[in-house]
Amino acid sequence: MSFPIPEPYVWDESFRVFYDNLDDEHKGLFDAVFKVAGSPKDAGALSHLVTVTDNHFTNEQGMMKAANYGDFSTHCAAHKGFLDKIRGLKAPVDDATIKFAKEWLVNHIKGTDFKYKEKL
């Protein structure tokens, strides 16, 4: 299922997973993607996106593991695929890749992360 991509590309309440730390990190991911979209030639913005994504995935996976979350391995595989893709990028980032990142984050939160609501 595909979810609408917000424009401007910012986090809003429809993305809440109801874990404050994860919601704050999701806001940071939206901001990082937004900055890459606004400055696709900025290697620093791209590096920041990789860092905040890696940190968020580590924290989220830690919470899932501690809660013995049932879909842990599938969720981690999705994280790995996205992180591998963005780690392999170089500035300038093309429009298709920016579109992919925007769509991936929206669909991952609403389609995958929402499954762990009230389970962590």
C-alpha atoms as a PDB file:
ATOM      1  CA  MET A   1       0.000   0.000   0.000  1.00  0.00           C
ATOM      2  CA  SER A   2       1.212   3.462  -0.835  1.00  0.00           C
ATOM      3  CA  PHE A   3       0.503   6.473   1.358  1.00  0.00           C
ATOM      4  CA  PRO A   4       0.310  10.142   0.305  1.00  0.00           C
ATOM      5  CA  ILE A   5       3.606  12.022   0.436  1.00  0.00           C
ATOM      6  CA  PRO A   6       3.223  15.256   2.422  1.00  0.00           C
ATOM      7  CA  GLU A   7       4.112  18.505   0.743  1.00  0.00           C
ATOM      8  CA  PRO A   8       5.988  20.254   2.158  1.00  0.00           C
ATOM      9  CA  TYR A   9       7.846  17.147   3.268  1.00  0.00           C
ATOM     10  CA  VAL A  10       7.496  17.396   7.045  1.00  0.00           C
ATOM     11  CA  TRP A  11       6.389  15.050   9.797  1.00  0.00           C
ATOM     12  CA  ASP A  12       2.843  15.555  11.071  1.00  0.00           C
ATOM     13  CA  GLU A  13       0.617  13.901  13.674  1.00  0.00           C
ATOM     14  CA  SER A  14      -0.576  11.282  11.166  1.00  0.00           C
ATOM     15  CA  PHE A  15       2.878   9.665  11.535  1.00  0.00           C
ATOM     16  CA  ARG A  16       2.734   9.239  15.345  1.00  0.00           C
ATOM     17  CA  VAL A  17       3.769   5.850  16.659  1.00  0.00           C
ATOM     18  CA  PHE A  18       3.156   7.018  20.252  1.00  0.00           C
ATOM     19  CA  TYR A  19       6.689   6.469  21.499  1.00  0.00           C
ATOM     20  CA  ASP A  20       8.047   9.981  22.017  1.00  0.00           C
ATOM     21  CA  ASN A  21      11.662   9.073  21.294  1.00  0.00           C
ATOM     22  CA  LEU A  22      10.752   7.351  18.026  1.00  0.00           C
ATOM     23  CA  ASP A  23       8.380  10.129  16.980  1.00  0.00           C
ATOM     24  CA  ASP A  24      11.162  12.656  17.608  1.00  0.00           C
ATOM     25  CA  GLU A  25      13.584  10.559  15.573  1.00  0.00           C
ATOM     26  CA  HIS A  26      11.032  10.242  12.757  1.00  0.00           C
ATOM     27  CA  LYS A  27      10.743  14.049  12.743  1.00  0.00           C
ATOM     28  CA  GLY A  28      14.519  14.180  12.367  1.00  0.00           C
ATOM     29  CA  LEU A  29      14.407  11.736   9.460  1.00  0.00           C
ATOM     30  CA  PHE A  30      11.812  13.847   7.665  1.00  0.00           C
ATOM     31  CA  ASP A  31      13.962  16.909   8.249  1.00  0.00           C
ATOM     32  CA  ALA A  32      17.088  15.157   6.955  1.00  0.00           C
ATOM     33  CA  VAL A  33      15.347  13.979   3.765  1.00  0.00           C
ATOM     34  CA  PHE A  34      13.901  17.485   3.318  1.00  0.00           C
ATOM     35  CA  LYS A  35      17.393  18.994   3.568  1.00  0.00           C
ATOM     36  CA  VAL A  36      18.822  16.584   0.999  1.00  0.00           C
ATOM     37  CA  ALA A  37      15.898  17.387  -1.313  1.00  0.00           C
ATOM     38  CA  GLY A  38      16.555  21.109  -0.891  1.00  0.00           C
ATOM     39  CA  SER A  39      20.330  20.790  -1.365  1.00  0.00           C
ATOM     40  CA  PRO A  40      21.022  17.630  -3.372  1.00  0.00           C
ATOM     41  CA  LYS A  41      24.645  18.699  -3.987  1.00  0.00           C
ATOM     42  CA  ASP A  42      25.361  19.026  -0.248  1.00  0.00           C
ATOM     43  CA  ALA A  43      27.409  15.999   0.814  1.00  0.00           C
ATOM     44  CA  GLY A  44      27.039  17.094   4.440  1.00  0.00           C
ATOM     45  CA  ALA A  45      23.241  16.904   4.229  1.00  0.00           C
ATOM     46  CA  LEU A  46      23.526  13.425   2.752  1.00  0.00           C
ATOM     47  CA  SER A  47      25.965  12.337   5.450  1.00  0.00           C
ATOM     48  CA  HIS A  48      23.608  13.686   8.112  1.00  0.00           C
ATOM     49  CA  LEU A  49      20.730  11.680   6.607  1.00  0.00           C
ATOM     50  CA  VAL A  50      22.799   8.496   6.798  1.00  0.00           C
ATOM     51  CA  THR A  51      23.797   9.194  10.408  1.00  0.00           C
ATOM     52  CA  VAL A  52      20.312   9.995  11.726  1.00  0.00           C
ATOM     53  CA  THR A  53      18.865   7.030   9.835  1.00  0.00           C
ATOM     54  CA  ASP A  54      21.450   4.630  11.248  1.00  0.00           C
ATOM     55  CA  ASN A  55      20.962   5.975  14.780  1.00  0.00           C
ATOM     56  CA  HIS A  56      17.180   5.738  14.527  1.00  0.00           C
ATOM     57  CA  PHE A  57      17.214   2.204  13.154  1.00  0.00           C
ATOM     58  CA  THR A  58      19.573   1.124  15.946  1.00  0.00           C
ATOM     59  CA  ASN A  59      17.308   2.633  18.621  1.00  0.00           C
ATOM     60  CA  GLU A  60      14.091   1.297  17.110  1.00  0.00           C
ATOM     61  CA  GLN A  61      15.532  -2.186  16.670  1.00  0.00           C
ATOM     62  CA  GLY A  62      16.762  -2.128  20.269  1.00  0.00           C
ATOM     63  CA  MET A  63      13.240  -1.389  21.471  1.00  0.00           C
ATOM     64  CA  MET A  64      11.820  -4.128  19.252  1.00  0.00           C
ATOM     65  CA  LYS A  65      14.368  -6.653  20.480  1.00  0.00           C
ATOM     66  CA  ALA A  66      13.755  -5.760  24.137  1.00  0.00           C
ATOM     67  CA  ALA A  67      10.008  -6.248  23.601  1.00  0.00           C
ATOM     68  CA  ASN A  68      10.567  -9.525  21.738  1.00  0.00           C
ATOM     69  CA  TYR A  69       8.709  -8.017  18.788  1.00  0.00           C
ATOM     70  CA  GLY A  70       7.427 -10.780  16.511  1.00  0.00           C
ATOM     71  CA  ASP A  71       8.214  -9.152  13.157  1.00  0.00           C
ATOM     72  CA  PHE A  72      11.735  -8.156  14.183  1.00  0.00           C
ATOM     73  CA  SER A  73      13.716  -9.866  11.408  1.00  0.00           C
ATOM     74  CA  THR A  74      11.488  -8.624   8.568  1.00  0.00           C
ATOM     75  CA  HIS A  75      11.546  -5.098   9.971  1.00  0.00           C
ATOM     76  CA  CYS A  76      15.336  -5.163  10.325  1.00  0.00           C
ATOM     77  CA  ALA A  77      15.716  -6.400   6.752  1.00  0.00           C
ATOM     78  CA  ALA A  78      13.705  -3.394   5.517  1.00  0.00           C
ATOM     79  CA  HIS A  79      15.962  -1.087   7.529  1.00  0.00           C
ATOM     80  CA  LYS A  80      19.086  -2.712   6.159  1.00  0.00           C
ATOM     81  CA  GLY A  81      17.912  -2.376   2.557  1.00  0.00           C
ATOM     82  CA  PHE A  82      17.187   1.321   2.925  1.00  0.00           C
ATOM     83  CA  LEU A  83      20.374   2.064   4.855  1.00  0.00           C
ATOM     84  CA  ASP A  84      22.486   0.153   2.332  1.00  0.00           C
ATOM     85  CA  LYS A  85      20.945   2.223  -0.466  1.00  0.00           C
ATOM     86  CA  ILE A  86      21.530   5.615   1.145  1.00  0.00           C
ATOM     87  CA  ARG A  87      25.024   4.677   2.332  1.00  0.00           C
ATOM     88  CA  GLY A  88      25.920   4.010  -1.291  1.00  0.00           C
ATOM     89  CA  LEU A  89      24.841   7.466  -2.467  1.00  0.00           C
ATOM     90  CA  LYS A  90      27.111  10.320  -3.459  1.00  0.00           C
ATOM     91  CA  ALA A  91      26.186  13.971  -3.866  1.00  0.00           C
ATOM     92  CA  PRO A  92      24.563  15.211  -5.972  1.00  0.00           C
ATOM     93  CA  VAL A  93      21.519  13.076  -5.214  1.00  0.00           C
ATOM     94  CA  ASP A  94      19.210  12.760  -8.202  1.00  0.00           C
ATOM     95  CA  ASP A  95      15.484  13.514  -8.135  1.00  0.00           C
ATOM     96  CA  ALA A  96      14.475   9.864  -8.498  1.00  0.00           C
ATOM     97  CA  THR A  97      16.485   8.892  -5.428  1.00  0.00           C
ATOM     98  CA  ILE A  98      15.045  11.762  -3.398  1.00  0.00           C
ATOM     99  CA  LYS A  99      11.544  10.676  -4.434  1.00  0.00           C
ATOM    100  CA  PHE A 100      12.416   7.096  -3.435  1.00  0.00           C
ATOM    101  CA  ALA A 101      13.629   8.228   0.027  1.00  0.00           C
ATOM    102  CA  LYS A 102      10.524  10.337   0.625  1.00  0.00           C
ATOM    103  CA  GLU A 103       8.204   7.519  -0.388  1.00  0.00           C
ATOM    104  CA  TRP A 104      10.155   4.870   1.503  1.00  0.00           C
ATOM    105  CA  LEU A 105      10.044   6.778   4.784  1.00  0.00           C
ATOM    106  CA  VAL A 106       6.328   7.590   4.555  1.00  0.00           C
ATOM    107  CA  ASN A 107       5.368   4.057   3.556  1.00  0.00           C
ATOM    108  CA  HIS A 108       7.692   2.454   6.096  1.00  0.00           C
ATOM    109  CA  ILE A 109       6.323   4.448   9.015  1.00  0.00           C
ATOM    110  CA  LYS A 110       2.656   4.093   8.097  1.00  0.00           C
ATOM    111  CA  GLY A 111       2.851   0.590   6.645  1.00  0.00           C
ATOM    112  CA  THR A 112       5.496  -1.092   8.808  1.00  0.00           C
ATOM    113  CA  ASP A 113       6.209   0.922  11.959  1.00  0.00           C
ATOM    114  CA  PHE A 114       2.512   1.292  12.717  1.00  0.00           C
ATOM    115  CA  LYS A 115       2.416  -2.485  13.261  1.00  0.00           C
ATOM    116  CA  TYR A 116       4.476  -2.103  16.450  1.00  0.00           C
ATOM    117  CA  LYS A 117       2.177   0.479  18.061  1.00  0.00           C
ATOM    118  CA  GLU A 118       1.417  -0.571  21.653  1.00  0.00           C
ATOM    119  CA  LYS A 119       3.763  -3.554  21.322  1.00  0.00           C
ATOM    120  CA  LEU A 120       7.076  -2.060  22.408  1.00  0.00           C
END
